[in-house]
């Protein structure tokens, strides 16, 4: 934290502009040593024009943004050099800064300093990395909501309520002679825990939506050979991703593609046609298809509506038992004779008509409440956050159980403190250094 750090914040390559970012106590001193236009003591949040020089050699003509602490991204003095793009110019600029006393920033170190200096919470820090990596509009909005502090505010509010309860319990432990107060406290606990439990359960419930927004939905398209699986994949992707022929067993390995459905990333996987076969390569493909059924979020079982179900179809249905299934009856542009009595989540369509797969998309939207997800987009979303909020909820359940079963009040306080600490770890109020180091190492260097 005492070092002045620097890094290239833009992608390396040919471009109009590159940005080099510097943060630390010596940022302005180092820049004054190499910039043709001196930065005055009172200047902050200004852009200055001039040249970066190494002694008398001009390195580049630049625009230099000056931001003095504490109103900066890291709460330290920050300089951003806007130089001409290009690998040589950018690297030369970085070499000069390192020579003058800067240290090359580690991945995510600027955001790490923003967190350690108290500018943003750990939850908001994670949102920065997720915003950069966002592939869909919903991921972008989710990250912005987290970065805006909405979730941090909710968690802080919950912790304040829990802290108030713990203080109330402490009074009763320290002053047990006031028996009237103990009765009042238990009633107060029951009343307050109802409200806290409801708010915490809403956070837990939202994680299933946050996970969908963050990770997308894995969709496995399965069925016998020649029922139209590859055609469905190609039409949904609007490209010829999978080879389509009349020859059974054309698809022998997994073919994948990604689409965005109402802002949610849908990861489509076309599988090998499932049937009894003696072909070794095709057999491996069939085994992969069976494995994918167990790991996919939803399975689209494709059947040929113009034919009756056979033994291969029943084998697939048996393998898919317990999975999240949509049965897509293909080729409804022909006479439908297939008997699908007893099956649920049935969609009829085809790959011939322009709107032949619209009902399938609608079923996915309905099954995962995608329209509902997009109404809020204020959810905990990554594995660390979800694990901690579930642990906090379990601790609160234990507190409720203890209260309702006459367990000593100091045991209730233990569970409340565990809940308080788990929520604190989400926003970084308490943390382990190893967790912090692991979290920021996945960031890009200039952020």
Protein backbone atom coordinates (compact mmCIF):
# COMPACT_ATOMS: atom_id res chain seq x y z
CA UNK A 1 0.00 0.00 0.00
CA UNK A 2 2.99 2.34 0.41
CA UNK A 3 4.17 1.79 -3.17
CA UNK A 4 3.13 4.00 -6.06
CA UNK A 5 1.76 1.61 -8.67
CA UNK A 6 1.23 1.88 -12.41
CA UNK A 7 -0.29 -0.23 -15.17
CA UNK A 8 -1.65 -0.07 -18.70
CA UNK A 9 -5.44 0.13 -18.35
CA UNK A 10 -6.37 -0.32 -22.01
CA UNK A 11 -5.96 -3.42 -24.16
CA UNK A 12 -2.51 -3.83 -25.68
CA UNK A 13 -2.51 -3.38 -29.43
CA UNK A 14 -2.94 -0.83 -32.22
CA UNK A 15 -5.46 1.85 -31.33
CA UNK A 16 -6.07 5.57 -31.17
CA UNK A 17 -5.42 5.94 -27.42
CA UNK A 18 -3.75 4.02 -24.63
CA UNK A 19 -4.27 4.86 -20.96
CA UNK A 20 -1.64 4.32 -18.28
CA UNK A 21 -2.88 4.65 -14.71
CA UNK A 22 -0.73 5.63 -11.68
CA UNK A 23 -1.82 5.61 -8.02
CA UNK A 24 0.02 6.38 -4.79
CA UNK A 25 1.63 9.05 -2.64
CA UNK A 26 4.43 9.71 -5.15
CA UNK A 27 2.25 9.75 -8.28
CA UNK A 28 2.37 13.53 -8.79
CA UNK A 29 6.06 13.80 -7.85
CA UNK A 30 6.99 11.12 -10.43
CA UNK A 31 4.89 12.76 -13.13
CA UNK A 32 6.31 16.21 -12.45
CA UNK A 33 9.74 14.73 -13.13
CA UNK A 34 8.80 13.58 -16.66
CA UNK A 35 5.97 15.91 -17.77
CA UNK A 36 6.65 19.14 -19.68
CA UNK A 37 3.82 20.98 -17.89
CA UNK A 38 4.24 21.02 -14.11
CA UNK A 39 1.25 20.11 -11.92
CA UNK A 40 0.54 22.93 -9.46
CA UNK A 41 -0.25 22.30 -5.78
CA UNK A 42 -3.91 23.31 -6.02
CA UNK A 43 -4.72 21.50 -9.25
CA UNK A 44 -7.03 18.48 -9.10
CA UNK A 45 -9.52 16.86 -11.47
CA UNK A 46 -8.06 18.70 -14.45
CA UNK A 47 -6.70 17.56 -17.81
CA UNK A 48 -3.35 19.00 -18.86
CA UNK A 49 -1.71 18.92 -22.29
CA UNK A 50 2.02 18.38 -22.75
CA UNK A 51 4.83 15.95 -23.49
CA UNK A 52 6.22 13.00 -21.55
CA UNK A 53 10.02 13.19 -21.64
CA UNK A 54 12.89 10.94 -20.66
CA UNK A 55 15.50 13.63 -19.96
CA UNK A 56 15.48 15.56 -23.28
CA UNK A 57 13.92 12.80 -25.38
CA UNK A 58 10.21 13.24 -26.12
CA UNK A 59 8.37 9.94 -25.61
CA UNK A 60 4.90 11.11 -26.64
CA UNK A 61 2.43 13.98 -26.81
CA UNK A 62 -0.23 13.31 -24.17
CA UNK A 63 -3.27 14.46 -22.25
CA UNK A 64 -2.75 13.99 -18.53
CA UNK A 65 -5.63 13.67 -16.05
CA UNK A 66 -4.76 14.79 -12.50
CA UNK A 67 -6.88 13.61 -9.55
CA UNK A 68 -5.78 14.30 -5.99
CA UNK A 69 -6.78 12.21 -2.96
CA UNK A 70 -9.24 11.51 -1.47
CA UNK A 71 -11.75 12.02 -4.30
CA UNK A 72 -10.29 9.37 -6.60
CA UNK A 73 -10.92 5.73 -7.47
CA UNK A 74 -8.34 4.50 -4.93
CA UNK A 75 -8.62 7.44 -2.49
CA UNK A 76 -4.94 8.07 -3.32
CA UNK A 77 -3.40 10.56 -5.76
CA UNK A 78 -4.19 9.20 -9.23
CA UNK A 79 -2.77 10.17 -12.62
CA UNK A 80 -4.05 8.85 -15.93
CA UNK A 81 -1.87 9.38 -19.02
CA UNK A 82 -3.73 9.36 -22.33
CA UNK A 83 -1.05 8.66 -24.92
CA UNK A 84 -1.17 7.52 -28.54
CA UNK A 85 -2.12 3.89 -28.94
CA UNK A 86 0.36 1.29 -30.07
CA UNK A 87 2.48 -1.33 -28.38
CA UNK A 88 5.83 0.48 -28.61
CA UNK A 89 4.63 3.87 -27.34
CA UNK A 90 2.63 2.37 -24.49
CA UNK A 91 5.41 0.05 -23.35
CA UNK A 92 7.97 2.88 -23.54
CA UNK A 93 5.74 4.99 -21.29
CA UNK A 94 5.39 2.13 -18.81
CA UNK A 95 9.16 1.48 -18.79
CA UNK A 96 9.82 5.13 -17.98
CA UNK A 97 7.38 5.11 -15.04
CA UNK A 98 8.98 1.95 -13.64
CA UNK A 99 12.42 3.54 -13.98
CA UNK A 100 11.24 6.62 -12.07
CA UNK A 101 10.04 4.60 -9.05
CA UNK A 102 6.62 3.15 -9.80
CA UNK A 103 5.90 -0.52 -9.22
CA UNK A 104 3.93 -2.55 -11.77
CA UNK A 105 0.45 -3.08 -10.34
CA UNK A 106 -0.78 -6.59 -9.62
CA UNK A 107 -4.05 -7.80 -11.18
CA UNK A 108 -6.93 -5.82 -9.68
CA UNK A 109 -4.67 -3.80 -7.38
CA UNK A 110 -6.32 -0.45 -8.12
CA UNK A 111 -9.72 -1.86 -7.12
CA UNK A 112 -8.12 -3.70 -4.18
CA UNK A 113 -6.80 -0.35 -2.91
CA UNK A 114 -10.23 1.21 -3.37
CA UNK A 115 -11.60 -1.53 -1.10
CA UNK A 116 -8.80 -1.45 1.48
CA UNK A 117 -9.01 2.35 1.64
CA UNK A 118 -12.75 2.13 2.36
CA UNK A 119 -14.06 3.67 -0.83
CA UNK A 120 -16.10 0.61 -1.89
CA UNK A 121 -17.22 -2.62 -0.21
CA UNK A 122 -15.97 -6.06 -1.17
CA UNK A 123 -19.33 -6.72 -2.82
CA UNK A 124 -18.90 -3.60 -4.95
CA UNK A 125 -15.29 -4.58 -5.73
CA UNK A 126 -16.45 -7.90 -7.14
CA UNK A 127 -19.05 -6.06 -9.20
CA UNK A 128 -16.27 -4.11 -10.94
CA UNK A 129 -14.71 -7.31 -12.27
CA UNK A 130 -18.10 -8.75 -13.21
CA UNK A 131 -19.06 -5.55 -15.03
CA UNK A 132 -15.91 -5.79 -17.15
CA UNK A 133 -16.66 -9.45 -17.94
CA UNK A 134 -20.40 -8.90 -18.63
CA UNK A 135 -21.59 -10.51 -21.86
CA UNK A 136 -25.30 -9.72 -21.66
CA UNK A 137 -27.39 -6.68 -20.82
CA UNK A 138 -28.73 -8.36 -17.67
CA UNK A 139 -25.20 -9.12 -16.43
CA UNK A 140 -24.26 -5.49 -17.00
CA UNK A 141 -27.30 -4.20 -15.07
CA UNK A 142 -26.77 -6.69 -12.23
CA UNK A 143 -23.15 -5.58 -11.85
CA UNK A 144 -24.11 -1.90 -11.95
CA UNK A 145 -26.74 -2.43 -9.25
CA UNK A 146 -24.15 -4.12 -7.03
CA UNK A 147 -21.59 -1.42 -7.82
CA UNK A 148 -24.15 1.25 -6.95
CA UNK A 149 -24.28 -0.03 -3.38
CA UNK A 150 -27.92 -1.22 -3.30
CA UNK A 151 -27.02 -4.67 -1.98
CA UNK A 152 -24.38 -3.34 0.38
CA UNK A 153 -27.04 -1.04 1.88
CA UNK A 154 -29.45 -3.96 2.38
CA UNK A 155 -26.78 -6.07 4.08
CA UNK A 156 -25.62 -3.19 6.28
CA UNK A 157 -29.23 -2.59 7.33
CA UNK A 158 -29.62 -6.27 8.29
CA UNK A 159 -26.36 -6.17 10.29
CA UNK A 160 -27.51 -3.05 12.15
CA UNK A 161 -30.73 -4.82 13.18
CA UNK A 162 -28.82 -7.91 14.33
CA UNK A 163 -26.29 -5.78 16.22
CA UNK A 164 -29.13 -4.04 18.05
CA UNK A 165 -30.55 -7.41 19.09
CA UNK A 166 -27.16 -8.64 20.31
CA UNK A 167 -26.77 -5.49 22.40
CA UNK A 168 -30.21 -6.13 23.90
CA UNK A 169 -29.23 -9.70 24.78
CA UNK A 170 -25.99 -8.49 26.38
CA UNK A 171 -28.01 -6.28 28.74
CA UNK A 172 -30.00 -9.30 29.91
CA UNK A 173 -26.89 -11.44 30.35
CA UNK A 174 -25.07 -8.72 32.30
CA UNK A 175 -28.11 -7.76 34.41
CA UNK A 176 -30.09 -10.99 34.99
CA UNK A 177 -31.70 -9.61 38.16
CA UNK A 178 -34.03 -7.53 36.00
CA UNK A 179 -36.45 -10.38 35.21
CA UNK A 180 -39.08 -8.09 33.70
CA UNK A 181 -36.56 -6.97 31.11
CA UNK A 182 -35.86 -10.59 30.11
CA UNK A 183 -39.53 -11.23 29.23
CA UNK A 184 -39.67 -8.01 27.22
CA UNK A 185 -36.42 -8.95 25.42
CA UNK A 186 -37.70 -12.38 24.36
CA UNK A 187 -40.85 -10.82 22.95
CA UNK A 188 -38.75 -8.20 21.20
CA UNK A 189 -36.46 -10.90 19.79
CA UNK A 190 -39.39 -12.84 18.34
CA UNK A 191 -40.80 -9.71 16.76
CA UNK A 192 -37.48 -8.50 15.33
CA UNK A 193 -36.33 -11.93 14.13
CA UNK A 194 -39.48 -12.25 12.02
CA UNK A 195 -38.55 -9.09 10.11
CA UNK A 196 -34.85 -9.97 9.81
CA UNK A 197 -35.65 -13.54 8.71
CA UNK A 198 -37.98 -12.27 6.01
CA UNK A 199 -35.36 -9.85 4.62
CA UNK A 200 -32.59 -12.45 4.72
CA UNK A 201 -34.75 -15.10 3.05
CA UNK A 202 -35.50 -12.60 0.27
CA UNK A 203 -31.73 -12.26 -0.29
CA UNK A 204 -31.36 -16.06 -0.35
CA UNK A 205 -34.30 -16.44 -2.72
CA UNK A 206 -32.76 -13.87 -5.05
CA UNK A 207 -29.53 -15.84 -5.34
CA UNK A 208 -31.16 -18.36 -7.68
CA UNK A 209 -31.92 -15.47 -10.04
CA UNK A 210 -28.48 -13.93 -9.53
CA UNK A 211 -26.87 -17.26 -10.42
CA UNK A 212 -28.88 -17.45 -13.63
CA UNK A 213 -27.93 -13.90 -14.64
CA UNK A 214 -24.27 -14.43 -13.78
CA UNK A 215 -23.74 -17.98 -15.09
CA UNK A 216 -26.46 -18.29 -17.70
CA UNK A 217 -28.57 -21.40 -18.35
CA UNK A 218 -27.05 -24.63 -19.67
CA UNK A 219 -29.44 -26.25 -22.15
CA UNK A 220 -28.79 -29.77 -23.46
CA UNK A 221 -30.60 -30.71 -26.68
CA UNK A 222 -31.04 -34.49 -26.68
CA UNK A 223 -32.91 -37.10 -28.68
CA UNK A 224 -32.52 -39.89 -31.20
CA UNK A 225 -30.60 -39.38 -34.45
CA UNK A 226 -32.40 -37.41 -37.17
CA UNK A 227 -35.12 -35.86 -34.97
CA UNK A 228 -33.85 -32.33 -35.75
CA UNK A 229 -31.56 -31.53 -32.80
CA UNK A 230 -28.82 -29.96 -34.93
CA UNK A 231 -31.35 -28.02 -37.00
CA UNK A 232 -32.84 -26.60 -33.79
CA UNK A 233 -29.36 -25.53 -32.62
CA UNK A 234 -28.58 -23.89 -35.96
CA UNK A 235 -31.88 -22.00 -36.06
CA UNK A 236 -31.57 -20.76 -32.49
CA UNK A 237 -28.00 -19.59 -33.15
CA UNK A 238 -28.93 -18.27 -36.60
CA UNK A 239 -25.83 -19.92 -38.06
CA UNK A 240 -24.81 -23.29 -39.47
CA UNK A 241 -22.91 -24.41 -36.38
CA UNK A 242 -23.75 -28.11 -36.57
CA UNK A 243 -23.62 -30.31 -39.67
CA UNK A 244 -27.06 -31.47 -40.73
CA UNK A 245 -27.54 -34.53 -42.98
CA UNK A 246 -30.04 -37.34 -43.45
CA UNK A 247 -27.41 -39.82 -42.25
CA UNK A 248 -28.11 -41.07 -38.72
CA UNK A 249 -25.25 -40.44 -36.30
CA UNK A 250 -23.82 -37.38 -38.08
CA UNK A 251 -23.34 -35.54 -34.76
CA UNK A 252 -20.92 -37.62 -32.68
CA UNK A 253 -19.59 -35.03 -30.28
CA UNK A 254 -20.96 -32.01 -28.43
CA UNK A 255 -21.60 -28.88 -30.49
CA UNK A 256 -22.05 -25.70 -28.46
CA UNK A 257 -23.28 -22.17 -29.01
CA UNK A 258 -24.56 -19.21 -26.98
CA UNK A 259 -27.54 -16.89 -27.46
CA UNK A 260 -29.02 -14.13 -25.33
CA UNK A 261 -32.68 -14.56 -24.42
CA UNK A 262 -34.20 -11.40 -22.91
CA UNK A 263 -30.77 -10.51 -21.56
CA UNK A 264 -30.00 -13.97 -20.13
CA UNK A 265 -27.15 -16.04 -21.57
CA UNK A 266 -28.41 -19.38 -22.91
CA UNK A 267 -25.66 -21.96 -23.48
CA UNK A 268 -26.94 -24.47 -26.02
CA UNK A 269 -25.33 -27.89 -26.37
CA UNK A 270 -26.28 -30.19 -29.24
CA UNK A 271 -25.55 -33.81 -28.33
CA UNK A 272 -24.96 -37.00 -30.26
CA UNK A 273 -28.11 -38.84 -31.27
CA UNK A 274 -28.93 -41.45 -28.63
CA UNK A 275 -29.47 -44.98 -29.93
CA UNK A 276 -28.13 -48.50 -29.60
CA UNK A 277 -24.94 -48.65 -31.66
CA UNK A 278 -21.83 -50.78 -32.12
CA UNK A 279 -19.78 -47.91 -33.57
CA UNK A 280 -17.13 -47.11 -30.94
CA UNK A 281 -16.92 -43.35 -31.68
CA UNK A 282 -20.69 -42.93 -31.79
CA UNK A 283 -20.98 -44.94 -28.56
CA UNK A 284 -18.66 -42.47 -26.78
CA UNK A 285 -20.84 -39.61 -28.06
CA UNK A 286 -23.96 -41.31 -26.66
CA UNK A 287 -22.30 -41.72 -23.26
CA UNK A 288 -21.42 -38.02 -23.26
CA UNK A 289 -25.06 -37.23 -24.00
CA UNK A 290 -26.19 -39.24 -20.98
CA UNK A 291 -23.63 -37.45 -18.76
CA UNK A 292 -24.84 -34.05 -19.97
CA UNK A 293 -28.43 -34.86 -19.03
CA UNK A 294 -27.35 -34.94 -15.36
CA UNK A 295 -25.40 -31.65 -15.42
CA UNK A 296 -27.61 -29.43 -17.61
CA UNK A 297 -29.99 -26.88 -16.07
CA UNK A 298 -32.66 -27.96 -18.53
CA UNK A 299 -32.92 -30.73 -21.12
CA UNK A 300 -34.77 -30.22 -24.38
CA UNK A 301 -35.87 -33.69 -25.46
CA UNK A 302 -36.58 -33.60 -29.18
CA UNK A 303 -38.99 -36.17 -30.64
CA UNK A 304 -40.19 -36.57 -34.21
CA UNK A 305 -43.89 -35.77 -34.17
CA UNK A 306 -44.47 -37.61 -37.44
CA UNK A 307 -43.37 -40.96 -35.91
CA UNK A 308 -44.31 -43.06 -32.91
CA UNK A 309 -42.01 -43.30 -29.90
CA UNK A 310 -39.72 -46.35 -29.97
CA UNK A 311 -37.40 -48.10 -27.53
CA UNK A 312 -34.63 -45.51 -27.97
CA UNK A 313 -37.08 -42.74 -27.01
CA UNK A 314 -38.13 -44.62 -23.86
CA UNK A 315 -34.48 -45.22 -22.94
CA UNK A 316 -33.83 -41.47 -23.18
CA UNK A 317 -36.89 -40.70 -21.06
CA UNK A 318 -35.68 -43.16 -18.42
CA UNK A 319 -32.20 -41.57 -18.39
CA UNK A 320 -33.73 -38.08 -18.12
CA UNK A 321 -35.97 -39.01 -15.19
CA UNK A 322 -35.63 -36.35 -12.49
CA UNK A 323 -34.09 -33.79 -14.85
CA UNK A 324 -35.67 -30.46 -15.80
CA UNK A 325 -37.23 -31.40 -19.18
CA UNK A 326 -38.96 -29.65 -22.04
CA UNK A 327 -40.32 -32.06 -24.66
CA UNK A 328 -40.08 -30.45 -28.08
CA UNK A 329 -42.29 -32.24 -30.61
CA UNK A 330 -40.59 -31.40 -33.90
CA UNK A 331 -41.99 -31.40 -37.44
CA UNK A 332 -45.47 -30.15 -36.57
CA UNK A 333 -45.63 -28.94 -40.17
CA UNK A 334 -46.33 -32.61 -40.96
CA UNK A 335 -49.07 -34.89 -39.63
CA UNK A 336 -48.50 -35.46 -35.90
CA UNK A 337 -49.01 -39.08 -34.76
CA UNK A 338 -46.65 -39.34 -31.79
CA UNK A 339 -48.28 -40.32 -28.48
CA UNK A 340 -46.83 -38.21 -25.64
CA UNK A 341 -49.46 -38.94 -23.02
CA UNK A 342 -48.09 -38.52 -19.51
CA UNK A 343 -45.31 -36.10 -20.46
CA UNK A 344 -45.20 -32.49 -19.19
CA UNK A 345 -43.80 -29.22 -20.55
CA UNK A 346 -44.63 -30.10 -24.15
CA UNK A 347 -43.96 -27.68 -27.01
CA UNK A 348 -44.90 -28.26 -30.65
CA UNK A 349 -42.85 -26.63 -33.40
CA UNK A 350 -40.54 -27.08 -36.37
CA UNK A 351 -37.41 -25.72 -38.00
CA UNK A 352 -39.06 -24.93 -41.35
CA UNK A 353 -41.27 -21.97 -40.49
CA UNK A 354 -39.65 -18.67 -39.39
CA UNK A 355 -41.51 -18.74 -36.07
CA UNK A 356 -41.24 -22.51 -35.58
CA UNK A 357 -39.12 -22.22 -32.42
CA UNK A 358 -40.79 -19.21 -30.81
CA UNK A 359 -42.83 -21.39 -28.44
CA UNK A 360 -39.66 -23.16 -27.33
CA UNK A 361 -38.06 -19.82 -26.44
CA UNK A 362 -41.23 -18.79 -24.60
CA UNK A 363 -41.17 -22.01 -22.59
CA UNK A 364 -37.56 -21.33 -21.50
CA UNK A 365 -38.54 -17.78 -20.48
CA UNK A 366 -41.49 -19.13 -18.49
CA UNK A 367 -39.61 -22.04 -16.86
CA UNK A 368 -36.83 -19.84 -15.48
CA UNK A 369 -38.99 -16.74 -14.80
CA UNK A 370 -36.67 -14.72 -17.03
CA UNK A 371 -39.06 -11.78 -17.31
CA UNK A 372 -39.39 -11.73 -13.51
CA UNK A 373 -35.61 -11.80 -13.11
CA UNK A 374 -35.19 -8.68 -15.23
CA UNK A 375 -37.56 -6.61 -13.09
CA UNK A 376 -35.13 -6.20 -10.20
CA UNK A 377 -31.56 -7.35 -10.94
CA UNK A 378 -30.45 -6.65 -7.37
CA UNK A 379 -29.16 -10.07 -6.37
CA UNK A 380 -26.13 -11.72 -4.85
CA UNK A 381 -24.67 -13.66 -7.74
CA UNK A 382 -21.28 -15.33 -7.38
CA UNK A 383 -20.39 -18.53 -5.50
CA UNK A 384 -18.67 -16.73 -2.59
CA UNK A 385 -21.61 -14.45 -1.93
CA UNK A 386 -24.19 -17.24 -2.26
CA UNK A 387 -22.28 -19.53 0.10
CA UNK A 388 -22.00 -16.81 2.76
CA UNK A 389 -25.63 -15.68 2.59
CA UNK A 390 -26.78 -19.32 2.92
CA UNK A 391 -24.55 -19.75 5.99
CA UNK A 392 -25.97 -16.53 7.45
CA UNK A 393 -29.50 -17.81 6.84
CA UNK A 394 -28.70 -21.16 8.50
CA UNK A 395 -27.35 -19.33 11.56
CA UNK A 396 -30.51 -17.24 11.76
CA UNK A 397 -32.64 -20.40 11.52
CA UNK A 398 -30.70 -21.81 14.47
CA UNK A 399 -31.38 -18.61 16.42
CA UNK A 400 -35.11 -18.90 15.70
CA UNK A 401 -35.09 -22.56 16.72
CA UNK A 402 -33.29 -21.75 19.97
CA UNK A 403 -35.72 -18.95 20.79
CA UNK A 404 -38.77 -21.13 20.14
CA UNK A 405 -37.46 -24.06 22.18
CA UNK A 406 -36.36 -22.36 25.37
CA UNK A 407 -32.62 -22.69 24.73
CA UNK A 408 -30.53 -20.27 26.87
CA UNK A 409 -30.44 -16.76 25.53
CA UNK A 410 -26.62 -16.68 25.29
CA UNK A 411 -26.85 -19.51 22.72
CA UNK A 412 -29.18 -17.33 20.66
CA UNK A 413 -26.58 -14.58 20.73
CA UNK A 414 -23.94 -17.01 19.41
CA UNK A 415 -26.07 -17.79 16.36
CA UNK A 416 -26.87 -14.11 15.80
CA UNK A 417 -23.16 -13.25 15.93
CA UNK A 418 -22.41 -15.97 13.35
CA UNK A 419 -25.10 -14.52 11.07
CA UNK A 420 -23.70 -11.00 11.62
CA UNK A 421 -20.16 -12.16 10.74
CA UNK A 422 -21.19 -14.07 7.60
CA UNK A 423 -23.03 -11.00 6.29
CA UNK A 424 -19.96 -8.92 7.12
CA UNK A 425 -17.78 -11.20 5.02
CA UNK A 426 -20.02 -10.58 1.99
CA UNK A 427 -19.33 -6.84 2.05
CA UNK A 428 -15.78 -7.20 3.37
CA UNK A 429 -16.34 -5.76 6.83
CA UNK A 430 -14.48 -8.85 8.04
CA UNK A 431 -12.30 -10.89 5.72
CA UNK A 432 -9.34 -13.23 5.40
CA UNK A 433 -6.35 -11.90 3.45
CA UNK A 434 -6.12 -15.13 1.42
CA UNK A 435 -9.72 -14.64 0.23
CA UNK A 436 -8.97 -11.06 -0.82
CA UNK A 437 -5.81 -12.05 -2.70
CA UNK A 438 -7.64 -14.83 -4.53
CA UNK A 439 -10.56 -12.58 -5.43
CA UNK A 440 -8.50 -9.79 -7.03
CA UNK A 441 -6.05 -12.00 -8.92
CA UNK A 442 -8.72 -12.67 -11.57
CA UNK A 443 -8.99 -8.95 -12.43
CA UNK A 444 -7.14 -7.43 -15.35
CA UNK A 445 -3.88 -5.68 -14.42
CA UNK A 446 -5.00 -2.07 -15.05
CA UNK A 447 -8.12 -2.35 -12.91
